[in-house]
Protein backbone atom coordinates (compact mmCIF):
# COMPACT_ATOMS: atom_id res chain seq x y z
CA MET A 1 0.00 0.00 0.00
CA ASN A 2 1.42 3.36 -0.98
CA PHE A 3 0.62 6.15 1.48
CA ASN A 4 2.81 8.64 3.27
CA ALA A 5 0.59 9.68 6.17
CA VAL A 6 -2.44 8.60 8.16
CA ILE A 7 -5.40 10.48 9.63
CA PHE A 8 -7.25 8.62 12.37
CA ASP A 9 -10.72 9.23 13.67
CA LEU A 10 -10.80 8.64 17.42
CA ASP A 11 -14.14 7.42 18.78
CA GLY A 12 -15.12 4.01 17.46
CA THR A 13 -11.90 3.86 15.45
CA LEU A 14 -9.00 4.00 17.91
CA LEU A 15 -11.02 4.10 21.12
CA ASP A 16 -13.76 1.71 22.19
CA SER A 17 -15.93 4.66 23.08
CA MET A 18 -18.90 5.00 20.74
CA TYR A 19 -21.34 3.56 23.23
CA ILE A 20 -20.99 6.62 25.46
CA TRP A 21 -21.87 8.92 22.53
CA ASN A 22 -24.81 6.79 21.46
CA THR A 23 -26.44 7.20 24.87
CA LEU A 24 -24.99 10.56 25.95
CA ALA A 25 -27.96 12.78 25.05
CA GLU A 26 -30.38 10.28 26.56
CA ASP A 27 -28.23 9.95 29.71
CA TYR A 28 -28.17 13.73 30.09
CA LEU A 29 -31.94 14.04 29.70
CA LYS A 30 -32.44 11.25 32.20
CA SER A 31 -30.22 13.13 34.68
CA VAL A 32 -32.61 16.12 34.52
CA GLY A 33 -35.76 14.00 34.67
CA VAL A 34 -36.72 14.17 31.00
CA GLU A 35 -37.61 11.18 28.84
CA ALA A 36 -35.88 11.00 25.45
CA LYS A 37 -37.95 10.75 22.27
CA PRO A 38 -37.35 7.94 19.77
CA GLY A 39 -34.60 8.72 17.27
CA LEU A 40 -32.68 11.09 19.54
CA CYS A 41 -29.31 9.47 18.81
CA ASP A 42 -29.78 9.80 15.06
CA ALA A 43 -30.81 13.43 15.48
CA VAL A 44 -27.64 14.48 17.31
CA ASN A 45 -24.90 12.05 16.27
CA THR A 46 -23.50 14.26 13.47
CA LEU A 47 -23.73 17.50 15.49
CA MET A 48 -20.91 19.23 17.32
CA MET A 49 -21.43 19.43 21.08
CA GLU A 50 -22.55 23.06 21.09
CA ASP A 51 -25.14 22.35 18.39
CA ALA A 52 -26.35 19.25 20.23
CA ALA A 53 -26.89 21.30 23.39
CA VAL A 54 -28.91 23.87 21.43
CA TYR A 55 -30.95 21.06 19.88
CA LEU A 56 -31.73 19.52 23.29
CA LYS A 57 -32.72 22.88 24.77
CA GLU A 58 -35.09 23.67 21.89
CA GLU A 59 -36.49 20.20 21.21
CA TYR A 60 -37.20 19.44 24.88
CA SER A 61 -37.95 23.00 26.07
CA LEU A 62 -35.28 22.72 28.75
CA PRO A 63 -35.27 25.60 31.26
CA TYR A 64 -31.47 25.68 31.51
CA PRO A 65 -29.06 27.96 29.64
CA THR A 66 -27.25 26.25 26.79
CA GLU A 67 -23.98 26.78 28.67
CA LYS A 68 -25.31 24.81 31.67
CA ILE A 69 -26.51 21.97 29.42
CA LEU A 70 -23.05 21.81 27.84
CA GLU A 71 -21.36 21.85 31.24
CA ASP A 72 -23.43 18.91 32.48
CA ILE A 73 -22.90 16.93 29.26
CA PHE A 74 -19.16 17.52 29.44
CA ALA A 75 -19.13 16.24 33.03
CA ILE A 76 -20.49 12.89 31.82
CA VAL A 77 -17.99 12.79 28.97
CA ASP A 78 -15.05 13.81 31.16
CA ASP A 79 -15.58 10.99 33.61
CA PHE A 80 -15.66 8.46 30.78
CA TYR A 81 -12.54 9.66 28.96
CA PHE A 82 -10.47 10.29 32.05
CA ASN A 83 -11.32 7.00 33.77
CA THR A 84 -12.93 4.37 31.55
CA THR A 85 -12.31 4.27 27.80
CA VAL A 86 -9.65 1.97 26.31
CA LEU A 87 -7.96 1.46 22.94
CA LYS A 88 -9.53 -1.05 20.59
CA HIS A 89 -7.76 -4.38 20.02
CA GLY A 90 -4.61 -4.16 17.92
CA VAL A 91 -4.36 -0.36 17.93
CA SER A 92 -1.14 -0.10 19.98
CA ASP A 93 0.74 -2.57 17.79
CA PHE A 94 -0.42 -0.90 14.57
CA LEU A 95 0.58 2.56 15.77
CA ALA A 96 4.00 1.19 16.68
CA GLN A 97 4.36 -0.31 13.19
CA LEU A 98 3.51 3.02 11.57
CA LYS A 99 5.96 4.86 13.81
CA GLU A 100 8.70 2.37 12.97
CA LYS A 101 8.12 3.02 9.26
CA LYS A 102 8.18 6.79 9.92
CA ILE A 103 4.64 7.28 8.60
CA LYS A 104 3.22 10.57 9.85
CA MET A 105 0.06 10.33 11.96
CA CYS A 106 -2.56 12.74 13.23
CA ILE A 107 -6.07 12.60 14.64
CA ALA A 108 -9.23 14.25 13.31
CA THR A 109 -12.02 14.01 15.84
CA ALA A 110 -15.36 15.44 16.87
CA SER A 111 -14.35 15.11 20.53
CA GLU A 112 -12.89 18.00 22.49
CA ARG A 113 -9.12 18.32 22.72
CA TYR A 114 -8.77 18.01 26.48
CA VAL A 115 -10.62 14.69 26.67
CA VAL A 116 -8.78 13.37 23.61
CA GLU A 117 -5.43 14.17 25.17
CA ALA A 118 -6.46 12.73 28.53
CA ALA A 119 -7.65 9.45 27.02
CA LEU A 120 -4.62 9.02 24.76
CA LYS A 121 -2.20 9.76 27.58
CA ARG A 122 -3.96 7.32 29.91
CA CYS A 123 -3.85 4.67 27.17
CA MET A 124 -0.15 5.47 26.49
CA ALA A 125 -0.83 6.39 22.85
CA TYR A 126 -0.47 10.18 22.90
CA GLU A 127 3.16 10.26 21.75
CA PHE A 128 2.38 8.46 18.49
CA PHE A 129 0.57 11.47 17.00
CA ASP A 130 2.08 14.54 15.40
CA ARG A 131 -1.06 16.64 15.77
CA ILE A 132 -4.68 16.50 16.95
CA PHE A 133 -7.42 18.29 15.01
CA THR A 134 -10.89 18.77 16.49
CA CYS A 135 -14.11 19.72 14.77
CA SER A 136 -14.82 22.48 17.27
CA GLU A 137 -11.44 24.11 16.64
CA VAL A 138 -11.79 23.79 12.86
CA GLY A 139 -15.38 25.06 13.03
CA HIS A 140 -17.02 22.33 10.97
CA SER A 141 -18.32 18.81 11.60
CA LYS A 142 -17.22 15.87 9.47
CA THR A 143 -20.12 16.40 7.12
CA GLU A 144 -17.67 18.92 5.62
CA PRO A 145 -14.08 18.07 4.58
CA ASP A 146 -12.41 21.01 6.34
CA ILE A 147 -10.88 18.97 9.16
CA PHE A 148 -9.34 16.51 6.71
CA PHE A 149 -7.89 19.30 4.58
CA LYS A 150 -6.45 21.00 7.68
CA ALA A 151 -4.78 17.73 8.65
CA ALA A 152 -3.45 17.22 5.11
CA GLU A 153 -2.01 20.74 5.13
CA PHE A 154 -0.19 20.01 8.38
CA LEU A 155 1.04 16.64 7.11
CA GLN A 156 2.25 18.35 3.91
CA GLU A 157 0.72 15.64 1.76
CA VAL A 158 -1.93 15.67 -0.97
CA PRO A 159 -5.14 13.77 -0.09
CA GLU A 160 -4.42 10.83 -2.40
CA ASN A 161 -1.23 10.09 -0.41
CA ILE A 162 -3.09 9.99 2.92
CA LEU A 163 -5.05 7.07 4.39
CA VAL A 164 -8.02 8.02 6.59
CA PHE A 165 -9.34 5.52 9.14
CA GLU A 166 -13.04 6.01 9.97
CA ASP A 167 -15.75 3.88 11.57
CA ALA A 168 -18.65 6.17 10.57
CA HIS A 169 -19.96 5.99 7.03
CA PHE A 170 -20.87 9.68 6.77
CA ALA A 171 -17.34 10.77 7.75
CA ALA A 172 -15.71 8.17 5.51
CA GLN A 173 -17.83 9.42 2.60
CA THR A 174 -16.74 13.01 3.28
CA ALA A 175 -13.07 12.00 3.22
CA LYS A 176 -13.51 9.86 0.12
CA ASP A 177 -15.30 12.63 -1.77
CA ALA A 178 -12.44 14.97 -0.84
CA GLY A 179 -9.90 12.70 -2.54
CA PHE A 180 -8.47 10.79 0.42
CA LYS A 181 -7.89 7.05 0.57
CA VAL A 182 -10.21 5.55 3.19
CA CYS A 183 -10.04 2.48 5.40
CA GLY A 184 -13.31 1.62 7.12
CA VAL A 185 -13.10 0.25 10.66
CA PHE A 186 -15.75 -2.00 12.16
CA ASP A 187 -17.60 -0.71 15.20
CA PRO A 188 -20.87 -2.23 16.42
CA SER A 189 -22.42 1.21 16.81
CA GLU A 190 -22.30 1.95 13.07
CA LYS A 191 -25.66 1.36 11.39
CA CYS A 192 -24.38 1.74 7.81
CA ILE A 193 -21.64 -0.89 7.77
CA GLU A 194 -22.43 -2.12 4.25
CA LYS A 195 -22.39 1.45 2.94
CA LEU A 196 -19.08 2.01 4.73
CA LYS A 197 -17.61 -1.08 3.07
CA ARG A 198 -18.70 0.14 -0.35
CA THR A 199 -17.33 3.64 0.21
CA ALA A 200 -13.98 2.62 1.68
CA ASP A 201 -10.96 1.54 -0.33
CA PHE A 202 -10.19 -0.96 2.44
CA TYR A 203 -12.09 -2.35 5.41
CA ILE A 204 -10.88 -3.97 8.62
CA ASN A 205 -12.80 -5.72 11.36
CA SER A 206 -10.06 -4.88 13.86
CA PHE A 207 -6.60 -3.34 13.84
CA LYS A 208 -5.13 -6.81 14.11
CA GLU A 209 -5.80 -6.91 10.34
CA ALA A 210 -4.35 -3.46 9.64
CA GLY A 211 -0.74 -4.59 9.40
CA ASP A 212 -1.51 -6.02 5.96
CA LEU A 213 -1.99 -2.46 4.70
CA ILE A 214 1.66 -1.57 5.26
CA ASP A 215 3.42 -4.86 4.46
């Protein structure tokens, strides 16, 4: 496989963490005594945190300021990333292989920087990455290619020389449409696995299979 750099998604790709995001909005509503409506996860799963908080306030007529909603949501997230989440199987070995081959690596994630750094440091993976890019800092979600282009600019590589690892079909499609090579990663939370397989140039069920991409 011919690529000079790698962009990794974080949640559901490197970290076994998607289950917290799939229930986060519902868990927050439950904490304030409000029952979630059907389809809540689908309604918020492509939104940045600030937009999700606005959505919850408006959709459920919450009496709290958006800033307070965000603060309480972040408290749930913080506890998970600082104390619970782990790397998916095979990730550590694959990152070490890439580092040995001097392949540049960065992260493009919808999560906030401070929890990303905390989780990676706790999992002893932080030092593998040359840079972390977050959707909130870039100002766009992964429905737009901005975060991938920012990462490519930093890596000093054209998109076709970069391999993007993504577990979510919508994000993989964005990267693919922007000219990047894409490797889909299995995660049980993803509802569009077959679409992801069709979109991606490669697909792995776990990172134990990823070594074949660089042999």
